[in-house]
Every structure is written in C-alpha cells, then in structure tokens.
C-alpha cells in the first residue's frame, strides 16, 4: 500500500488551481519523478474541475487511484494512492487535511493562493504518517489482526490433517457430540463443499 501524493486545491468557477501539494515518489525512477509529479498535478486539477461541489469520489487511472473530496465551499483535497490503499482511510485523511487547512489558511486566500503563497506545512507530515494505514487507522489494524488470526487457525487445522487425522473421522468417532450435532456437521460439510477457507 502506497500513498503517492496529497493535494489541496480550490475549485473556481471555470478552473481548479493548486494551493498546496506534497509528493512521495521514491518508488518512481529518479529521471521520471518530475514528469510523474506534473501528471499527478494535472490529473488532480482535472478531476476537481469536472466534479461537483460536495463530491467524494475515487477514480482509477492505470495502477493509481485518485481519491477526491470537494467540500461545498469549493475547497478540495486529492490523494493519489495505489489500488490496494483503503478507500475509507483516504477519505478520513482528506477530511482531516481540509479541516486543518481551513483552520490555518484564511478562506479569502483560497481563490488567489498558490503553493508559493500559502503557508501550510502539514501535508508532508500527513503524507509520511499515512504511508502505512494500519498504523493510523484502528479499524484497518484490527482487520489485519483478524486476517492474521485466520491464517494461523487455517495453518493449525492443516497441521491436524497432515498427521493423518481427518476432522470428519474425529466427529464420527466422538462420544461427546450428540447425534443432532453430528448430523448438523455432516449437513454443513455437504453444503460448504464448494467453498474453501482462505
């Protein structure tokens, strides 16, 4: 999962213009970085220009995802990520960025501001902090732990089967399970044959 850029733009009546941006392009070749950055800036502006105020949307372009949030006051934020980065985390980040930006930068400066004139340094901090969504988002962290537990449980069941024991045989031989429990197990097993645990 990778977060490549964060941008704050103002959606004017005819054109969107960039107020501030931060980029993390270390995974891109050195000689291509400036071109990739220009394309990302252009794409952010284009998406903001063509989206209505109050819009939250995600647009895929090749291996990149552009997550856009345009508030009703036309202040906009765009995050460019890879396709694996969680959308929910992106929109949470964009909401935080816009809230903080609007508190620190006077709204009279939005229509005429530029990256050189706007004083807002938190984009770089957010870009670094949100590189690993599991570290900043509790729900994503819990989901990763659940996925890890499923893998461990799956491996434990496989190790039982590797010793030559079959769960079906153990259920059939069990004296602790009643007939209704055994029947339920057999019925569930038949219905789940098409499904495999991952």
Protein backbone atom coordinates (compact mmCIF):
# COMPACT_ATOMS: atom_id res chain seq x y z
CA UNK A 1 0.00 0.00 0.00
CA UNK A 2 1.40 3.33 -1.05
CA UNK A 3 0.31 6.96 -0.74
CA UNK A 4 1.96 8.98 -3.53
CA UNK A 5 0.56 12.49 -3.14
CA UNK A 6 -1.70 14.79 -1.20
CA UNK A 7 -3.01 17.99 -2.77
CA UNK A 8 -5.26 20.83 -1.68
CA UNK A 9 -7.00 22.74 -4.48
CA UNK A 10 -9.64 25.41 -4.85
CA UNK A 11 -12.42 24.74 -7.37
CA UNK A 12 -13.01 28.06 -9.08
CA UNK A 13 -15.92 28.83 -11.42
CA UNK A 14 -14.03 27.67 -14.51
CA UNK A 15 -10.77 26.17 -13.30
CA UNK A 16 -9.31 24.45 -10.25
CA UNK A 17 -5.99 25.68 -9.01
CA UNK A 18 -3.45 24.10 -6.74
CA UNK A 19 -2.99 25.63 -3.30
CA UNK A 20 -0.53 23.14 -1.77
CA UNK A 21 0.82 19.66 -2.56
CA UNK A 22 3.19 17.04 -1.19
CA UNK A 23 4.63 14.05 -3.05
CA UNK A 24 6.31 10.76 -2.09
CA UNK A 25 7.77 9.47 -5.34
CA UNK A 26 10.79 7.50 -4.11
CA UNK A 27 9.37 4.37 -5.81
CA UNK A 28 9.48 6.15 -9.19
CA UNK A 29 12.70 6.34 -11.17
CA UNK A 30 14.73 9.48 -10.45
CA UNK A 31 14.54 10.87 -14.01
CA UNK A 32 10.77 10.25 -14.25
CA UNK A 33 9.81 11.91 -10.94
CA UNK A 34 9.25 15.44 -12.27
CA UNK A 35 7.12 14.13 -15.15
CA UNK A 36 5.07 11.90 -12.84
CA UNK A 37 4.58 14.83 -10.45
CA UNK A 38 3.37 17.06 -13.31
CA UNK A 39 0.93 14.40 -14.50
CA UNK A 40 -0.39 13.92 -10.95
CA UNK A 41 -0.89 17.68 -10.52
CA UNK A 42 -2.67 17.90 -13.88
CA UNK A 43 -4.89 14.90 -13.05
CA UNK A 44 -5.85 16.32 -9.64
CA UNK A 45 -6.87 19.62 -11.23
CA UNK A 46 -8.84 17.90 -13.99
CA UNK A 47 -10.79 15.69 -11.60
CA UNK A 48 -11.62 18.61 -9.28
CA UNK A 49 -12.71 20.78 -12.24
CA UNK A 50 -15.06 18.10 -13.56
CA UNK A 51 -16.58 17.05 -10.22
CA UNK A 52 -19.37 18.94 -8.45
CA UNK A 53 -19.02 20.56 -5.01
CA UNK A 54 -19.95 18.18 -2.18
CA UNK A 55 -18.48 15.23 -4.08
CA UNK A 56 -16.48 12.33 -2.68
CA UNK A 57 -15.26 10.01 -5.41
CA UNK A 58 -12.47 7.68 -6.42
CA UNK A 59 -11.14 7.46 -9.96
CA UNK A 60 -8.75 4.76 -11.18
CA UNK A 61 -6.09 5.64 -13.72
CA UNK A 62 -3.87 2.65 -14.61
CA UNK A 63 -2.27 1.48 -11.34
CA UNK A 64 -3.20 4.66 -9.45
CA UNK A 65 -6.33 5.64 -7.52
CA UNK A 66 -7.30 9.30 -7.21
CA UNK A 67 -9.50 9.90 -4.16
CA UNK A 68 -11.20 13.30 -4.28
CA UNK A 69 -13.20 15.24 -1.72
CA UNK A 70 -14.69 18.59 -2.76
CA UNK A 71 -16.45 20.47 0.02
CA UNK A 72 -19.45 22.71 -0.59
CA UNK A 73 -17.20 25.77 -0.13
CA UNK A 74 -15.13 24.50 -3.13
CA UNK A 75 -12.05 23.67 -1.04
CA UNK A 76 -10.83 20.31 -2.36
CA UNK A 77 -8.32 17.62 -1.45
CA UNK A 78 -6.96 14.78 -3.57
CA UNK A 79 -4.95 11.73 -2.51
CA UNK A 80 -3.24 9.59 -5.12
CA UNK A 81 -2.56 6.03 -3.96
CA UNK A 82 -2.01 2.59 -5.36
CA UNK A 83 -5.09 0.39 -5.83
CA UNK A 84 -4.52 -1.51 -2.56
CA UNK A 85 -4.72 1.53 -0.28
CA UNK A 86 -8.01 1.50 1.71
CA UNK A 87 -10.54 4.00 0.39
CA UNK A 88 -12.07 4.62 3.83
CA UNK A 89 -8.68 5.65 5.24
CA UNK A 90 -8.15 8.03 2.28
CA UNK A 91 -11.40 9.86 2.81
CA UNK A 92 -10.73 10.12 6.53
CA UNK A 93 -7.33 11.65 5.72
CA UNK A 94 -8.79 14.07 3.17
CA UNK A 95 -11.38 15.22 5.69
CA UNK A 96 -8.65 15.89 8.29
CA UNK A 97 -6.49 17.75 5.77
CA UNK A 98 -9.33 20.02 4.67
CA UNK A 99 -10.44 20.76 8.23
CA UNK A 100 -6.93 21.69 9.29
CA UNK A 101 -6.24 23.66 6.11
CA UNK A 102 -9.43 25.71 6.52
CA UNK A 103 -8.50 26.48 10.15
CA UNK A 104 -4.96 27.63 9.28
CA UNK A 105 -5.48 29.37 5.93
CA UNK A 106 -7.92 32.26 5.57
CA UNK A 107 -10.68 31.50 3.05
CA UNK A 108 -10.04 34.87 1.34
CA UNK A 109 -6.69 33.43 0.18
CA UNK A 110 -8.18 30.32 -1.44
CA UNK A 111 -9.29 31.81 -4.78
CA UNK A 112 -5.96 33.54 -5.44
CA UNK A 113 -3.48 31.40 -3.50
CA UNK A 114 -0.65 29.33 -4.92
CA UNK A 115 1.81 26.78 -3.47
CA UNK A 116 4.33 29.58 -3.02
CA UNK A 117 1.99 31.95 -1.14
CA UNK A 118 0.02 29.50 1.03
CA UNK A 119 1.63 28.71 4.40
CA UNK A 120 0.55 25.17 5.26
CA UNK A 121 3.23 22.61 6.12
CA UNK A 122 1.18 19.70 7.46
CA UNK A 123 0.74 17.94 4.08
CA UNK A 124 4.26 16.48 4.24
CA UNK A 125 3.61 15.24 7.80
CA UNK A 126 0.33 13.59 6.78
CA UNK A 127 1.96 12.06 3.72
CA UNK A 128 4.62 10.40 5.88
CA UNK A 129 2.25 9.44 8.70
CA UNK A 130 -0.33 7.79 6.42
CA UNK A 131 2.11 5.67 4.38
CA UNK A 132 1.05 2.68 6.48
CA UNK A 133 -2.73 2.85 7.01
CA UNK A 134 -2.55 0.12 9.67
CA UNK A 135 -0.55 2.43 11.93
CA UNK A 136 -3.01 5.35 11.79
CA UNK A 137 -6.38 3.64 11.45
CA UNK A 138 -7.65 1.40 14.25
CA UNK A 139 -10.17 -0.46 12.07
CA UNK A 140 -7.55 -1.34 9.45
CA UNK A 141 -5.21 -2.54 12.20
CA UNK A 142 -7.93 -4.79 13.69
CA UNK A 143 -8.76 -6.17 10.22
CA UNK A 144 -5.09 -7.06 9.68
CA UNK A 145 -5.01 -8.85 13.04
CA UNK A 146 -8.18 -10.79 12.18
CA UNK A 147 -6.70 -11.81 8.82
CA UNK A 148 -3.53 -12.97 10.59
CA UNK A 149 -5.59 -14.98 13.09
CA UNK A 150 -7.47 -16.67 10.23
CA UNK A 151 -4.17 -17.69 8.67
CA UNK A 152 -2.93 -19.11 11.97
CA UNK A 153 -6.21 -21.00 12.51
CA UNK A 154 -6.08 -22.36 8.95
CA UNK A 155 -2.48 -23.50 9.44
CA UNK A 156 -3.43 -25.22 12.72
CA UNK A 157 -6.23 -27.17 11.02
CA UNK A 158 -3.84 -28.14 8.22
CA UNK A 159 -1.31 -29.44 10.73
CA UNK A 160 -4.01 -31.73 12.17
CA UNK A 161 -4.74 -33.07 8.73
CA UNK A 162 -1.04 -33.54 7.97
CA UNK A 163 -0.77 -36.02 10.84
CA UNK A 164 -3.26 -38.24 9.07
CA UNK A 165 -6.29 -37.25 11.11
CA UNK A 166 -9.41 -36.12 9.36
CA UNK A 167 -11.91 -33.89 11.06
CA UNK A 168 -14.75 -35.99 9.61
CA UNK A 169 -13.34 -39.13 11.26
CA UNK A 170 -12.91 -37.35 14.60
CA UNK A 171 -16.51 -36.12 14.54
CA UNK A 172 -17.82 -39.60 13.65
CA UNK A 173 -15.84 -41.26 16.50
CA UNK A 174 -16.63 -38.61 19.09
CA UNK A 175 -18.70 -39.73 22.06
CA UNK A 176 -19.06 -36.13 23.29
CA UNK A 177 -21.10 -34.99 20.30
CA UNK A 178 -24.75 -35.87 20.15
CA UNK A 179 -26.43 -37.33 17.05
CA UNK A 180 -28.03 -33.98 16.18
CA UNK A 181 -24.62 -32.25 16.32
CA UNK A 182 -23.10 -34.92 14.10
CA UNK A 183 -25.98 -34.60 11.63
CA UNK A 184 -25.60 -30.81 11.63
CA UNK A 185 -21.85 -31.14 10.95
CA UNK A 186 -22.44 -33.54 8.03
CA UNK A 187 -25.12 -31.29 6.51
CA UNK A 188 -22.95 -28.18 6.85
CA UNK A 189 -19.99 -30.02 5.38
CA UNK A 190 -22.03 -31.08 2.31
CA UNK A 191 -23.32 -27.54 1.74
CA UNK A 192 -19.87 -25.99 2.08
CA UNK A 193 -18.01 -28.35 -0.26
CA UNK A 194 -17.91 -25.70 -2.96
CA UNK A 195 -16.34 -23.16 -0.59
CA UNK A 196 -12.79 -23.17 0.70
CA UNK A 197 -11.35 -21.30 3.65
CA UNK A 198 -8.69 -18.81 2.57
